[in-house]
Protein backbone atom coordinates (compact mmCIF):
# COMPACT_ATOMS: atom_id res chain seq x y z
CA UNK A 1 0.00 0.00 0.00
CA UNK A 2 2.99 2.32 0.24
CA UNK A 3 2.37 3.34 3.85
CA UNK A 4 5.45 4.34 5.84
CA UNK A 5 5.75 5.08 9.53
CA UNK A 6 6.81 8.61 10.46
CA UNK A 7 8.20 9.05 13.97
CA UNK A 8 7.48 12.21 15.93
CA UNK A 9 8.58 13.35 19.36
CA UNK A 10 6.15 12.78 22.24
CA UNK A 11 3.99 15.79 23.15
CA UNK A 12 4.91 17.56 19.92
CA UNK A 13 1.68 18.13 17.98
CA UNK A 14 3.43 20.46 15.51
CA UNK A 15 5.21 17.39 14.12
CA UNK A 16 1.89 15.69 13.30
CA UNK A 17 -0.02 17.54 10.55
CA UNK A 18 -3.38 15.93 11.41
CA UNK A 19 -3.24 16.95 15.06
CA UNK A 20 -1.93 20.39 14.09
CA UNK A 21 -4.88 20.90 11.73
CA UNK A 22 -7.37 19.76 14.39
CA UNK A 23 -5.89 22.10 17.01
CA UNK A 24 -5.87 25.02 14.56
CA UNK A 25 -9.49 24.39 13.51
CA UNK A 26 -10.62 24.04 17.12
CA UNK A 27 -8.86 27.26 18.05
CA UNK A 28 -10.10 29.30 15.05
CA UNK A 29 -13.69 28.03 14.98
CA UNK A 30 -14.36 27.78 18.69
CA UNK A 31 -11.85 28.85 21.32
CA UNK A 32 -11.06 32.26 19.77
CA UNK A 33 -14.73 33.20 20.31
CA UNK A 34 -15.29 31.87 23.84
CA UNK A 35 -13.98 32.87 27.24
CA UNK A 36 -13.02 29.67 29.05
CA UNK A 37 -13.70 29.81 32.77
CA UNK A 38 -12.04 26.62 34.03
CA UNK A 39 -10.99 23.10 33.04
CA UNK A 40 -14.51 21.67 33.29
CA UNK A 41 -15.89 24.47 31.12
CA UNK A 42 -13.15 23.90 28.52
CA UNK A 43 -13.91 20.17 28.37
CA UNK A 44 -17.62 20.84 27.92
CA UNK A 45 -17.02 23.39 25.13
CA UNK A 46 -14.56 21.13 23.30
CA UNK A 47 -16.89 18.13 23.65
CA UNK A 48 -19.82 20.08 22.21
CA UNK A 49 -17.64 21.43 19.40
CA UNK A 50 -16.41 17.95 18.47
CA UNK A 51 -19.99 16.61 18.48
CA UNK A 52 -21.02 19.42 16.16
CA UNK A 53 -17.89 18.97 14.03
CA UNK A 54 -18.49 15.24 13.49
CA UNK A 55 -22.25 15.44 13.00
CA UNK A 56 -22.78 18.61 10.95
CA UNK A 57 -19.59 19.96 9.34
CA UNK A 58 -19.44 19.07 5.63
CA UNK A 59 -15.85 19.00 4.31
CA UNK A 60 -15.11 18.79 0.59
CA UNK A 61 -12.92 15.73 1.13
CA UNK A 62 -16.01 13.73 2.17
CA UNK A 63 -18.09 14.87 -0.84
CA UNK A 64 -19.92 17.42 1.32
CA UNK A 65 -21.06 14.83 3.85
CA UNK A 66 -20.37 14.91 7.57
CA UNK A 67 -17.91 12.44 9.14
CA UNK A 68 -20.94 10.81 10.81
CA UNK A 69 -23.27 10.25 7.82
CA UNK A 70 -26.86 11.41 8.08
CA UNK A 71 -29.97 11.01 5.96
CA UNK A 72 -30.77 13.70 3.41
CA UNK A 73 -34.37 14.84 3.43
CA UNK A 74 -35.82 16.45 0.28
CA UNK A 75 -37.46 19.92 0.50
CA UNK A 76 -40.99 18.49 0.32
CA UNK A 77 -40.48 16.77 3.70
CA UNK A 78 -41.05 19.93 5.75
CA UNK A 79 -39.36 23.21 6.44
CA UNK A 80 -35.80 23.65 7.63
CA UNK A 81 -35.43 24.48 11.32
CA UNK A 82 -32.31 26.12 12.76
CA UNK A 83 -30.66 24.62 15.84
CA UNK A 84 -27.94 26.39 17.82
CA UNK A 85 -24.77 24.52 18.75
CA UNK A 86 -22.15 25.47 21.34
CA UNK A 87 -24.31 28.18 22.87
CA UNK A 88 -25.18 29.75 19.50
CA UNK A 89 -21.61 29.92 18.19
CA UNK A 90 -22.47 27.51 15.35
CA UNK A 91 -25.80 26.42 13.88
CA UNK A 92 -27.12 23.43 11.98
CA UNK A 93 -30.37 22.95 10.11
CA UNK A 94 -32.72 20.00 9.94
CA UNK A 95 -35.92 19.36 8.05
CA UNK A 96 -38.78 18.43 10.31
CA UNK A 97 -41.91 16.74 9.04
CA UNK A 98 -44.83 19.11 8.64
């Protein structure tokens, strides 16, 4: 398959491009817009962000589908309702049956 192991130093996320991208995205999309009060608050915010990220974000690399696939409902199945995520920082939309 042509896969080779790349060694990186422990506790050095800048040597791992996938972790570096995740940390940058988390920081830009979430933590730059929130005042973190304590460790418990940070864990709750990051957990909610990751839930939203995996369930609703649609990257081009996945053909505009979320990492956790979901069913697509056509427009005749009801109107789109907006739901707030992470205290209103991000939103997602779902069609609810009329």
